[in-house]
Amino acid sequence: MAVSEFNEDTQDQICDLIESLQQAEKLKNKDIRILLDKVARKYGGKVVNK
């Protein structure tokens, strides 16, 4: 599922969650990519590093 298939509200919620995780747990971009990849794979996708 491409990100463009998410509605805007869902995209905003994901961004807010990522920002909160970065601030609360001091996550680095690599850690966030790993977490997003786990979620994406659950739905048949994968996160790519561009």
C-alpha atoms as a PDB file:
ATOM      1  CA  MET A   1       0.000   0.000   0.000  1.00  0.00           C
ATOM      2  CA  ALA A   2       1.503   3.315  -1.044  1.00  0.00           C
ATOM      3  CA  VAL A   3       1.452   6.226   1.362  1.00  0.00           C
ATOM      4  CA  SER A   4      -0.736   8.088  -1.116  1.00  0.00           C
ATOM      5  CA  GLU A   5      -3.444   5.508  -0.437  1.00  0.00           C
ATOM      6  CA  PHE A   6      -3.720   6.661   3.194  1.00  0.00           C
ATOM      7  CA  ASN A   7      -6.129   9.474   3.826  1.00  0.00           C
ATOM      8  CA  GLU A   8      -4.701  12.783   5.071  1.00  0.00           C
ATOM      9  CA  ASP A   9      -5.929  12.244   8.627  1.00  0.00           C
ATOM     10  CA  THR A  10      -4.112   8.906   8.856  1.00  0.00           C
ATOM     11  CA  GLN A  11      -0.916  10.452   7.468  1.00  0.00           C
ATOM     12  CA  ASP A  12      -1.129  13.266  10.042  1.00  0.00           C
ATOM     13  CA  GLN A  13      -1.640  10.771  12.872  1.00  0.00           C
ATOM     14  CA  ILE A  14       1.392   8.723  11.774  1.00  0.00           C
ATOM     15  CA  CYS A  15       3.553  11.863  11.583  1.00  0.00           C
ATOM     16  CA  ASP A  16       2.400  13.011  15.034  1.00  0.00           C
ATOM     17  CA  LEU A  17       3.154   9.586  16.493  1.00  0.00           C
ATOM     18  CA  ILE A  18       6.633   9.523  14.963  1.00  0.00           C
ATOM     19  CA  GLU A  19       7.389  13.002  16.308  1.00  0.00           C
ATOM     20  CA  SER A  20       6.193  11.983  19.769  1.00  0.00           C
ATOM     21  CA  LEU A  21       8.349   8.849  19.715  1.00  0.00           C
ATOM     22  CA  GLN A  22      11.378  10.872  18.633  1.00  0.00           C
ATOM     23  CA  GLN A  23      10.932  13.330  21.487  1.00  0.00           C
ATOM     24  CA  ALA A  24       9.950  10.874  24.227  1.00  0.00           C
ATOM     25  CA  GLU A  25      12.352   8.068  23.456  1.00  0.00           C
ATOM     26  CA  LYS A  26      15.054   9.897  21.529  1.00  0.00           C
ATOM     27  CA  LEU A  27      14.614   7.582  18.554  1.00  0.00           C
ATOM     28  CA  LYS A  28      16.897   8.047  15.590  1.00  0.00           C
ATOM     29  CA  ASN A  29      15.774   7.931  11.962  1.00  0.00           C
ATOM     30  CA  LYS A  30      17.180   4.416  11.575  1.00  0.00           C
ATOM     31  CA  ASP A  31      15.078   3.202  14.524  1.00  0.00           C
ATOM     32  CA  ILE A  32      11.963   4.820  13.070  1.00  0.00           C
ATOM     33  CA  ARG A  33      12.574   3.187   9.678  1.00  0.00           C
ATOM     34  CA  ILE A  34      12.836  -0.196  11.409  1.00  0.00           C
ATOM     35  CA  LEU A  35       9.541   0.352  13.235  1.00  0.00           C
ATOM     36  CA  LEU A  36       7.764   1.584  10.101  1.00  0.00           C
ATOM     37  CA  ASP A  37       9.145  -1.346   8.115  1.00  0.00           C
ATOM     38  CA  LYS A  38       7.707  -3.805  10.658  1.00  0.00           C
ATOM     39  CA  VAL A  39       4.284  -2.190  10.313  1.00  0.00           C
ATOM     40  CA  ALA A  40       4.491  -1.978   6.516  1.00  0.00           C
ATOM     41  CA  ARG A  41       5.519  -5.635   6.150  1.00  0.00           C
ATOM     42  CA  LYS A  42       2.520  -6.648   8.230  1.00  0.00           C
ATOM     43  CA  TYR A  43       0.384  -5.160   5.444  1.00  0.00           C
ATOM     44  CA  GLY A  44       2.410  -6.554   2.554  1.00  0.00           C
ATOM     45  CA  GLY A  45       4.672  -3.581   1.928  1.00  0.00           C
ATOM     46  CA  LYS A  46       8.140  -2.429   2.894  1.00  0.00           C
ATOM     47  CA  VAL A  47       9.902   0.803   3.767  1.00  0.00           C
ATOM     48  CA  VAL A  48      12.598   1.836   1.318  1.00  0.00           C
ATOM     49  CA  ASN A  49      15.488   4.170   2.047  1.00  0.00           C
ATOM     50  CA  LYS A  50      15.527   6.913  -0.582  1.00  0.00           C
END
